[in-house]
Amino acid sequence: MSNLTETVTQSPSDVVRGLYDALRKGDVPGVLAKLAQEVIVDEPKQLPYGGVHEGREAFVQSVVGVMMGYADVAITEAEVFEGPAGVIGTLIGTLTAHTTGEEFPLTLVEIHQVEDGMVRKIDVYAKNPHELAAFYARAEAGTR
C-alpha cells in the first residue's frame, strides 16, 4: 500500500467554474477560497460599487456587500471559456431590489487572470452599466 498522495491541479477554467458555482450558491467562503488574497477586481465606474478593489476583503465589502445590500442576486447561467487572454466568463441572472421588488436582467462578461489555482485579477464588463446604475439608484431610493 502506498502512502503517496496525488496532487490534483485545476485548470484555470476549472478555478473560475468553481468561483461561479460558489457565487450561484451564495457561498461567500467558497468564493473567497478561489480568490488570491491580493486579488484585483475592476468593476464599471458607473456602479455604486464601481472602481478598482484590491484584496479579498475589499471585494467582499465593496462589491458583494453593496450589490447584495440593494438586491437579491440570482445567477441563472454561467459559461467559462479559456483562451490566450485568460479565462472569459459570462454571467446571466436577475437582480431583485429589496425595496421595490423590481427585477433587472443582469449580464456580465469577466476576464479572469488565474495563477497557481487562484483568481488574481477580474475585469468586469456589464452589458448595460448605465441602466444597471439607474436600477441601483431606484433600489436605494425605493422607487421604480
Protein backbone atom coordinates (compact mmCIF):
# COMPACT_ATOMS: atom_id res chain seq x y z
CA MET A 1 0.00 0.00 0.00
CA SER A 2 1.35 3.41 -0.96
CA ASN A 3 1.29 6.49 1.25
CA LEU A 4 1.87 8.66 -1.80
CA THR A 5 -0.76 11.36 -2.19
CA GLU A 6 -1.60 12.63 -5.62
CA THR A 7 -1.94 16.35 -6.16
CA VAL A 8 -4.73 17.32 -8.49
CA THR A 9 -4.26 20.67 -10.16
CA GLN A 10 -7.21 22.53 -11.59
CA SER A 11 -7.09 24.24 -14.93
CA PRO A 12 -7.69 28.00 -14.87
CA SER A 13 -11.17 27.44 -16.34
CA ASP A 14 -11.98 24.93 -13.57
CA VAL A 15 -10.96 27.54 -10.96
CA VAL A 16 -13.36 30.09 -12.49
CA ARG A 17 -16.13 27.47 -12.75
CA GLY A 18 -15.64 26.81 -9.03
CA LEU A 19 -15.84 30.55 -8.33
CA TYR A 20 -19.08 30.83 -10.33
CA ASP A 21 -20.54 27.77 -8.63
CA ALA A 22 -19.88 29.35 -5.23
CA LEU A 23 -21.38 32.66 -6.44
CA ARG A 24 -24.50 30.86 -7.64
CA LYS A 25 -24.94 29.25 -4.23
CA GLY A 26 -24.24 32.47 -2.32
CA ASP A 27 -21.29 30.68 -0.69
CA VAL A 28 -19.04 33.59 0.34
CA PRO A 29 -16.35 31.33 1.93
CA GLY A 30 -16.34 29.31 -1.32
CA VAL A 31 -15.88 32.49 -3.33
CA LEU A 32 -13.02 33.61 -1.10
CA ALA A 33 -11.33 30.23 -1.45
CA LYS A 34 -10.95 30.83 -5.20
CA LEU A 35 -9.61 34.40 -4.89
CA ALA A 36 -5.99 35.26 -4.22
CA GLN A 37 -5.50 37.31 -1.05
CA GLU A 38 -4.37 40.27 -3.17
CA VAL A 39 -7.00 39.86 -5.94
CA ILE A 40 -7.76 42.96 -8.02
CA VAL A 41 -11.36 43.40 -9.18
CA ASP A 42 -12.11 46.20 -11.63
CA GLU A 43 -15.85 46.99 -11.83
CA PRO A 44 -17.56 49.53 -14.15
CA LYS A 45 -17.17 53.00 -12.63
CA GLN A 46 -20.86 53.89 -13.11
CA LEU A 47 -21.96 51.35 -10.50
CA PRO A 48 -22.30 52.16 -6.78
CA TYR A 49 -19.55 49.59 -6.17
CA GLY A 50 -17.55 50.59 -9.26
CA GLY A 51 -13.82 51.10 -9.46
CA VAL A 52 -10.74 49.04 -8.68
CA HIS A 53 -10.89 46.96 -5.50
CA GLU A 54 -7.72 45.35 -4.14
CA GLY A 55 -7.84 42.33 -1.87
CA ARG A 56 -10.46 39.73 -0.96
CA GLU A 57 -11.90 41.70 1.94
CA ALA A 58 -12.34 44.82 -0.22
CA PHE A 59 -14.10 42.72 -2.85
CA VAL A 60 -16.49 41.21 -0.31
CA GLN A 61 -17.26 44.52 1.42
CA SER A 62 -17.22 46.91 -1.52
CA VAL A 63 -18.71 44.75 -4.27
CA VAL A 64 -20.60 41.79 -2.84
CA GLY A 65 -21.78 43.69 0.24
CA VAL A 66 -23.07 46.68 -1.71
CA MET A 67 -24.54 44.59 -4.54
CA MET A 68 -26.44 42.32 -2.16
CA GLY A 69 -27.30 45.22 0.13
CA TYR A 70 -29.56 46.60 -2.60
CA ALA A 71 -30.81 43.44 -4.28
CA ASP A 72 -31.05 39.68 -4.25
CA VAL A 73 -28.83 38.21 -6.94
CA ALA A 74 -29.88 35.07 -8.83
CA ILE A 75 -27.34 33.74 -11.33
CA THR A 76 -29.17 31.57 -13.86
CA GLU A 77 -26.40 30.91 -16.35
CA ALA A 78 -22.61 30.91 -16.23
CA GLU A 79 -20.24 29.96 -19.02
CA VAL A 80 -16.45 29.79 -19.00
CA PHE A 81 -14.05 29.94 -21.95
CA GLU A 82 -10.28 29.61 -21.68
CA GLY A 83 -8.03 31.39 -24.14
CA PRO A 84 -4.71 33.17 -24.52
CA ALA A 85 -6.01 36.35 -22.81
CA GLY A 86 -7.10 34.41 -19.74
CA VAL A 87 -10.40 32.91 -18.75
CA ILE A 88 -13.52 34.63 -20.04
CA GLY A 89 -16.70 34.14 -18.06
CA THR A 90 -20.25 35.19 -18.77
CA LEU A 91 -22.83 35.53 -16.02
CA ILE A 92 -26.53 35.93 -16.68
CA GLY A 93 -29.08 36.41 -13.96
CA THR A 94 -31.61 38.63 -12.29
CA LEU A 95 -31.35 41.28 -9.61
CA THR A 96 -34.42 41.83 -7.43
CA ALA A 97 -34.49 45.09 -5.47
CA HIS A 98 -35.09 44.62 -1.74
CA THR A 99 -37.09 47.85 -1.50
CA THR A 100 -39.42 47.59 -4.51
CA GLY A 101 -39.27 44.04 -5.84
CA GLU A 102 -38.21 45.41 -9.23
CA GLU A 103 -36.38 42.81 -11.30
CA PHE A 104 -33.46 43.71 -13.52
CA PRO A 105 -31.75 41.39 -16.04
CA LEU A 106 -28.03 41.12 -15.29
CA THR A 107 -25.46 40.25 -17.97
CA LEU A 108 -21.75 40.41 -17.17
CA VAL A 109 -18.62 39.44 -19.07
CA GLU A 110 -15.49 38.94 -16.98
CA ILE A 111 -11.85 38.41 -17.88
CA HIS A 112 -10.03 36.43 -15.19
CA GLN A 113 -6.29 36.05 -14.69
CA VAL A 114 -5.66 32.79 -12.86
CA GLU A 115 -2.28 31.74 -11.45
CA ASP A 116 -1.41 28.87 -9.14
CA GLY A 117 -5.04 27.83 -8.82
CA MET A 118 -6.24 31.26 -7.64
CA VAL A 119 -8.02 34.13 -9.38
CA ARG A 120 -5.58 37.07 -9.27
CA LYS A 121 -7.48 39.67 -11.32
CA ILE A 122 -11.01 40.14 -12.65
CA ASP A 123 -12.00 42.79 -15.20
CA VAL A 124 -15.80 43.08 -15.16
CA TYR A 125 -17.88 44.42 -18.05
CA ALA A 126 -21.63 44.96 -17.66
CA LYS A 127 -23.80 44.78 -20.77
CA ASN A 128 -25.69 47.92 -19.74
CA PRO A 129 -23.80 49.72 -16.94
CA HIS A 130 -25.84 52.95 -17.07
CA GLU A 131 -29.16 51.09 -16.79
CA LEU A 132 -27.70 48.92 -14.02
CA ALA A 133 -26.58 52.03 -12.11
CA ALA A 134 -30.10 53.51 -12.54
CA PHE A 135 -31.58 50.25 -11.15
CA TYR A 136 -29.37 50.56 -8.06
CA ALA A 137 -30.38 54.22 -7.63
CA ARG A 138 -34.06 53.25 -7.76
CA ALA A 139 -33.45 50.35 -5.36
CA GLU A 140 -31.72 52.69 -2.90
CA ALA A 141 -34.49 55.30 -3.19
CA GLY A 142 -37.27 52.70 -3.02
CA THR A 143 -38.79 53.85 -6.32
CA ARG A 144 -39.45 52.21 -9.66
